[in-house]
C-alpha atoms as a PDB file:
ATOM      1  CA  UNK A   1      85.313 -97.592 -53.352  1.00  0.00           C
ATOM      2  CA  UNK A   2      85.971 -97.307 -49.632  1.00  0.00           C
ATOM      3  CA  UNK A   3      87.397 -94.135 -48.262  1.00  0.00           C
ATOM      4  CA  UNK A   4      85.724 -91.538 -50.448  1.00  0.00           C
ATOM      5  CA  UNK A   5      87.010 -88.425 -48.704  1.00  0.00           C
ATOM      6  CA  UNK A   6      84.354 -85.833 -48.131  1.00  0.00           C
ATOM      7  CA  UNK A   7      85.393 -82.443 -49.472  1.00  0.00           C
ATOM      8  CA  UNK A   8      84.073 -78.923 -49.034  1.00  0.00           C
ATOM      9  CA  UNK A   9      80.973 -79.374 -51.218  1.00  0.00           C
ATOM     10  CA  UNK A  10      79.152 -81.673 -48.823  1.00  0.00           C
ATOM     11  CA  UNK A  11      75.513 -82.462 -48.533  1.00  0.00           C
ATOM     12  CA  UNK A  12      74.397 -83.338 -45.059  1.00  0.00           C
ATOM     13  CA  UNK A  13      71.525 -85.043 -43.448  1.00  0.00           C
ATOM     14  CA  UNK A  14      71.107 -85.079 -39.724  1.00  0.00           C
ATOM     15  CA  UNK A  15      68.622 -87.119 -37.823  1.00  0.00           C
ATOM     16  CA  UNK A  16      68.268 -85.292 -34.522  1.00  0.00           C
ATOM     17  CA  UNK A  17      66.691 -81.943 -35.271  1.00  0.00           C
ATOM     18  CA  UNK A  18      66.991 -80.735 -31.679  1.00  0.00           C
ATOM     19  CA  UNK A  19      70.755 -80.413 -32.099  1.00  0.00           C
ATOM     20  CA  UNK A  20      72.979 -78.882 -34.727  1.00  0.00           C
ATOM     21  CA  UNK A  21      75.825 -80.551 -36.532  1.00  0.00           C
ATOM     22  CA  UNK A  22      79.298 -79.139 -36.494  1.00  0.00           C
ATOM     23  CA  UNK A  23      79.539 -79.172 -40.297  1.00  0.00           C
ATOM     24  CA  UNK A  24      83.277 -78.509 -40.279  1.00  0.00           C
ATOM     25  CA  UNK A  25      83.787 -81.654 -38.187  1.00  0.00           C
ATOM     26  CA  UNK A  26      82.686 -83.853 -41.107  1.00  0.00           C
ATOM     27  CA  UNK A  27      85.316 -82.533 -43.494  1.00  0.00           C
ATOM     28  CA  UNK A  28      88.005 -85.116 -44.021  1.00  0.00           C
ATOM     29  CA  UNK A  29      85.955 -87.980 -42.574  1.00  0.00           C
ATOM     30  CA  UNK A  30      86.115 -90.823 -45.089  1.00  0.00           C
ATOM     31  CA  UNK A  31      82.791 -92.020 -46.446  1.00  0.00           C
ATOM     32  CA  UNK A  32      82.397 -95.709 -47.186  1.00  0.00           C
ATOM     33  CA  UNK A  33      80.731 -97.090 -50.278  1.00  0.00           C
ATOM     34  CA  UNK A  34      77.376 -98.807 -49.683  1.00  0.00           C
ATOM     35  CA  UNK A  35      75.823 -99.421 -53.126  1.00  0.00           C
ATOM     36  CA  UNK A  36      75.487 -98.225 -56.715  1.00  0.00           C
ATOM     37  CA  UNK A  37      72.013 -98.350 -58.238  1.00  0.00           C
ATOM     38  CA  UNK A  38      70.880 -97.478 -61.751  1.00  0.00           C
ATOM     39  CA  UNK A  39      67.343 -97.283 -63.040  1.00  0.00           C
ATOM     40  CA  UNK A  40      66.181 -99.947 -65.447  1.00  0.00           C
ATOM     41  CA  UNK A  41      64.587 -99.259 -68.802  1.00  0.00           C
ATOM     42  CA  UNK A  42      61.141 -97.734 -68.345  1.00  0.00           C
ATOM     43  CA  UNK A  43      61.560 -97.232 -64.589  1.00  0.00           C
ATOM     44  CA  UNK A  44      60.292 -93.824 -63.518  1.00  0.00           C
ATOM     45  CA  UNK A  45      61.902 -91.676 -60.863  1.00  0.00           C
ATOM     46  CA  UNK A  46      59.370 -92.581 -58.144  1.00  0.00           C
ATOM     47  CA  UNK A  47      59.833 -96.310 -58.728  1.00  0.00           C
ATOM     48  CA  UNK A  48      63.617 -95.824 -58.692  1.00  0.00           C
ATOM     49  CA  UNK A  49      63.454 -93.856 -55.431  1.00  0.00           C
ATOM     50  CA  UNK A  50      61.382 -96.670 -53.877  1.00  0.00           C
ATOM     51  CA  UNK A  51      64.063 -99.172 -54.910  1.00  0.00           C
ATOM     52  CA  UNK A  52      66.828 -97.001 -53.435  1.00  0.00           C
ATOM     53  CA  UNK A  53      64.744 -96.681 -50.260  1.00  0.00           C
ATOM     54  CA  UNK A  54      64.708-100.462 -49.780  1.00  0.00           C
ATOM     55  CA  UNK A  55      68.516-100.633 -49.958  1.00  0.00           C
ATOM     56  CA  UNK A  56      68.927 -97.631 -47.639  1.00  0.00           C
ATOM     57  CA  UNK A  57      66.356 -98.953 -45.152  1.00  0.00           C
ATOM     58  CA  UNK A  58      67.982-102.389 -44.990  1.00  0.00           C
ATOM     59  CA  UNK A  59      71.515-101.015 -44.569  1.00  0.00           C
ATOM     60  CA  UNK A  60      70.403 -98.596 -41.853  1.00  0.00           C
ATOM     61  CA  UNK A  61      68.395-101.307 -40.058  1.00  0.00           C
ATOM     62  CA  UNK A  62      71.359-103.702 -40.073  1.00  0.00           C
ATOM     63  CA  UNK A  63      74.092-101.170 -39.227  1.00  0.00           C
ATOM     64  CA  UNK A  64      72.339 -98.295 -37.453  1.00  0.00           C
ATOM     65  CA  UNK A  65      74.025 -95.711 -39.689  1.00  0.00           C
ATOM     66  CA  UNK A  66      72.615 -93.123 -42.052  1.00  0.00           C
ATOM     67  CA  UNK A  67      73.297 -93.587 -45.765  1.00  0.00           C
ATOM     68  CA  UNK A  68      72.937 -90.981 -48.481  1.00  0.00           C
ATOM     69  CA  UNK A  69      73.541 -90.201 -52.133  1.00  0.00           C
ATOM     70  CA  UNK A  70      72.690 -87.737 -54.862  1.00  0.00           C
ATOM     71  CA  UNK A  71      70.082 -88.677 -57.459  1.00  0.00           C
ATOM     72  CA  UNK A  72      72.084 -88.420 -60.687  1.00  0.00           C
ATOM     73  CA  UNK A  73      71.070 -88.144 -64.347  1.00  0.00           C
ATOM     74  CA  UNK A  74      72.480 -89.152 -67.740  1.00  0.00           C
ATOM     75  CA  UNK A  75      74.789 -92.074 -68.218  1.00  0.00           C
ATOM     76  CA  UNK A  76      73.544 -95.552 -69.138  1.00  0.00           C
ATOM     77  CA  UNK A  77      70.029 -95.103 -67.748  1.00  0.00           C
ATOM     78  CA  UNK A  78      67.730 -92.281 -66.725  1.00  0.00           C
ATOM     79  CA  UNK A  79      68.766 -92.193 -63.039  1.00  0.00           C
ATOM     80  CA  UNK A  80      71.452 -93.465 -60.695  1.00  0.00           C
ATOM     81  CA  UNK A  81      72.659 -93.094 -57.122  1.00  0.00           C
ATOM     82  CA  UNK A  82      75.870 -93.957 -55.288  1.00  0.00           C
ATOM     83  CA  UNK A  83      75.005 -94.543 -51.642  1.00  0.00           C
ATOM     84  CA  UNK A  84      77.692 -93.847 -49.030  1.00  0.00           C
ATOM     85  CA  UNK A  85      77.895 -93.657 -45.229  1.00  0.00           C
ATOM     86  CA  UNK A  86      80.070 -91.915 -42.671  1.00  0.00           C
ATOM     87  CA  UNK A  87      79.275 -94.678 -40.179  1.00  0.00           C
ATOM     88  CA  UNK A  88      77.282 -92.213 -38.081  1.00  0.00           C
ATOM     89  CA  UNK A  89      73.799 -92.424 -36.573  1.00  0.00           C
ATOM     90  CA  UNK A  90      73.249 -88.678 -36.891  1.00  0.00           C
ATOM     91  CA  UNK A  91      74.841 -87.549 -40.145  1.00  0.00           C
ATOM     92  CA  UNK A  92      75.756 -88.533 -43.644  1.00  0.00           C
ATOM     93  CA  UNK A  93      77.900 -86.661 -46.108  1.00  0.00           C
ATOM     94  CA  UNK A  94      78.014 -87.207 -49.837  1.00  0.00           C
ATOM     95  CA  UNK A  95      80.084 -84.923 -52.002  1.00  0.00           C
ATOM     96  CA  UNK A  96      77.965 -83.844 -54.951  1.00  0.00           C
ATOM     97  CA  UNK A  97      80.573 -85.182 -57.354  1.00  0.00           C
ATOM     98  CA  UNK A  98      80.405 -88.700 -55.874  1.00  0.00           C
ATOM     99  CA  UNK A  99      78.232 -90.327 -58.528  1.00  0.00           C
ATOM    100  CA  UNK A 100      78.536 -93.270 -60.891  1.00  0.00           C
ATOM    101  CA  UNK A 101      80.832 -92.528 -63.846  1.00  0.00           C
ATOM    102  CA  UNK A 102      78.969 -90.969 -66.758  1.00  0.00           C
ATOM    103  CA  UNK A 103      76.260 -89.391 -64.571  1.00  0.00           C
ATOM    104  CA  UNK A 104      75.837 -85.872 -63.223  1.00  0.00           C
ATOM    105  CA  UNK A 105      74.409 -85.174 -59.785  1.00  0.00           C
ATOM    106  CA  UNK A 106      71.054 -83.450 -59.682  1.00  0.00           C
ATOM    107  CA  UNK A 107      69.845 -81.295 -56.818  1.00  0.00           C
ATOM    108  CA  UNK A 108      68.127 -83.963 -54.736  1.00  0.00           C
ATOM    109  CA  UNK A 109      69.719 -86.031 -52.001  1.00  0.00           C
ATOM    110  CA  UNK A 110      68.236 -89.262 -50.666  1.00  0.00           C
ATOM    111  CA  UNK A 111      69.164 -90.350 -47.137  1.00  0.00           C
ATOM    112  CA  UNK A 112      68.040 -92.557 -44.277  1.00  0.00           C
ATOM    113  CA  UNK A 113      67.583 -92.078 -40.552  1.00  0.00           C
ATOM    114  CA  UNK A 114      67.891 -94.845 -37.970  1.00  0.00           C
ATOM    115  CA  UNK A 115      64.539 -95.605 -36.354  1.00  0.00           C
ATOM    116  CA  UNK A 116      65.782 -95.576 -32.760  1.00  0.00           C
ATOM    117  CA  UNK A 117      64.205 -92.850 -30.604  1.00  0.00           C
ATOM    118  CA  UNK A 118      67.126 -92.650 -28.180  1.00  0.00           C
ATOM    119  CA  UNK A 119      70.585 -92.705 -29.700  1.00  0.00           C
ATOM    120  CA  UNK A 120      73.687 -93.770 -27.794  1.00  0.00           C
ATOM    121  CA  UNK A 121      76.205 -91.430 -29.365  1.00  0.00           C
ATOM    122  CA  UNK A 122      79.500 -92.819 -30.596  1.00  0.00           C
ATOM    123  CA  UNK A 123      82.739 -90.823 -30.496  1.00  0.00           C
ATOM    124  CA  UNK A 124      82.142 -89.863 -34.145  1.00  0.00           C
ATOM    125  CA  UNK A 125      78.563 -88.738 -33.404  1.00  0.00           C
ATOM    126  CA  UNK A 126      79.769 -86.586 -30.490  1.00  0.00           C
ATOM    127  CA  UNK A 127      82.463 -85.063 -32.718  1.00  0.00           C
ATOM    128  CA  UNK A 128      79.842 -84.238 -35.362  1.00  0.00           C
ATOM    129  CA  UNK A 129      77.737 -82.545 -32.686  1.00  0.00           C
ATOM    130  CA  UNK A 130      80.783 -80.532 -31.627  1.00  0.00           C
ATOM    131  CA  UNK A 131      80.849 -82.170 -28.202  1.00  0.00           C
ATOM    132  CA  UNK A 132      83.827 -83.169 -26.154  1.00  0.00           C
ATOM    133  CA  UNK A 133      83.970 -86.528 -24.400  1.00  0.00           C
ATOM    134  CA  UNK A 134      82.387 -84.905 -21.352  1.00  0.00           C
ATOM    135  CA  UNK A 135      78.611 -84.642 -21.347  1.00  0.00           C
ATOM    136  CA  UNK A 136      75.598 -86.567 -22.510  1.00  0.00           C
ATOM    137  CA  UNK A 137      76.217 -89.782 -24.392  1.00  0.00           C
ATOM    138  CA  UNK A 138      72.603 -90.169 -25.459  1.00  0.00           C
ATOM    139  CA  UNK A 139      70.036 -87.953 -27.114  1.00  0.00           C
ATOM    140  CA  UNK A 140      66.410 -88.234 -28.063  1.00  0.00           C
ATOM    141  CA  UNK A 141      65.651 -87.858 -31.731  1.00  0.00           C
ATOM    142  CA  UNK A 142      62.593 -87.523 -33.938  1.00  0.00           C
ATOM    143  CA  UNK A 143      64.027 -89.608 -36.752  1.00  0.00           C
ATOM    144  CA  UNK A 144      60.707 -89.942 -38.566  1.00  0.00           C
ATOM    145  CA  UNK A 145      60.887 -86.515 -40.172  1.00  0.00           C
ATOM    146  CA  UNK A 146      63.347 -84.147 -41.795  1.00  0.00           C
ATOM    147  CA  UNK A 147      65.795 -82.409 -39.461  1.00  0.00           C
ATOM    148  CA  UNK A 148      66.670 -78.729 -39.699  1.00  0.00           C
ATOM    149  CA  UNK A 149      69.901 -79.613 -41.512  1.00  0.00           C
ATOM    150  CA  UNK A 150      68.021 -81.784 -44.040  1.00  0.00           C
ATOM    151  CA  UNK A 151      66.372 -78.689 -45.526  1.00  0.00           C
ATOM    152  CA  UNK A 152      69.725 -77.486 -46.918  1.00  0.00           C
ATOM    153  CA  UNK A 153      68.939 -79.528 -50.057  1.00  0.00           C
ATOM    154  CA  UNK A 154      65.699 -80.806 -51.555  1.00  0.00           C
ATOM    155  CA  UNK A 155      65.359 -84.552 -51.422  1.00  0.00           C
ATOM    156  CA  UNK A 156      64.080 -87.747 -49.895  1.00  0.00           C
ATOM    157  CA  UNK A 157      64.124 -89.245 -46.416  1.00  0.00           C
ATOM    158  CA  UNK A 158      63.794 -92.966 -45.735  1.00  0.00           C
ATOM    159  CA  UNK A 159      62.687 -93.466 -42.131  1.00  0.00           C
ATOM    160  CA  UNK A 160      60.078 -95.177 -39.958  1.00  0.00           C
ATOM    161  CA  UNK A 161      58.705 -97.260 -42.824  1.00  0.00           C
ATOM    162  CA  UNK A 162      58.067 -94.199 -45.006  1.00  0.00           C
ATOM    163  CA  UNK A 163      59.626 -92.328 -47.888  1.00  0.00           C
ATOM    164  CA  UNK A 164      59.234 -88.574 -47.562  1.00  0.00           C
ATOM    165  CA  UNK A 165      60.115 -85.827 -50.041  1.00  0.00           C
ATOM    166  CA  UNK A 166      60.715 -82.131 -49.442  1.00  0.00           C
ATOM    167  CA  UNK A 167      61.629 -79.145 -51.565  1.00  0.00           C
ATOM    168  CA  UNK A 168      61.893 -76.710 -48.658  1.00  0.00           C
ATOM    169  CA  UNK A 169      60.016 -76.265 -45.395  1.00  0.00           C
ATOM    170  CA  UNK A 170      56.300 -76.809 -45.663  1.00  0.00           C
ATOM    171  CA  UNK A 171      56.514 -78.936 -48.827  1.00  0.00           C
ATOM    172  CA  UNK A 172      56.881 -82.365 -47.200  1.00  0.00           C
ATOM    173  CA  UNK A 173      54.953 -85.185 -48.865  1.00  0.00           C
ATOM    174  CA  UNK A 174      54.907 -88.932 -48.416  1.00  0.00           C
ATOM    175  CA  UNK A 175      55.750 -91.086 -51.440  1.00  0.00           C
ATOM    176  CA  UNK A 176      53.240 -93.945 -51.797  1.00  0.00           C
END
């Protein structure tokens, strides 16, 4: 399902909290399919999130890009997620309606951050930051925690060997 076009109802994650995303720059950027996962019988939400985290961590480690998806409910099992990527190190966009058929998106987004501390920005990354070609091509990032943009939606972060959850500022917890 390559080329899922991101529409107005986007959920964003951004790995470098020192800088803001130009949210309008992501509109119309096609998201690429990464994986569909469904919970198995008897699998609780925490166990399912840990399984999603392994897929997200591996994809991000191999490709250097953030992945994201909405935790969805209903359908054939208790939970599902459709993971997508914009092919960016600093952002991911998943339209809330981009879920496996038969499921409905909940309010929590799961996403990954690359573990690199210094990012060499691609043309897409610079566009998402609202930068022209002139200027810095690298930026330092604290990818091991939620960025300012990540707090727009409750959810999970997979980064630096951890799974974190937040439901607003000051509520961050690590999933064991």
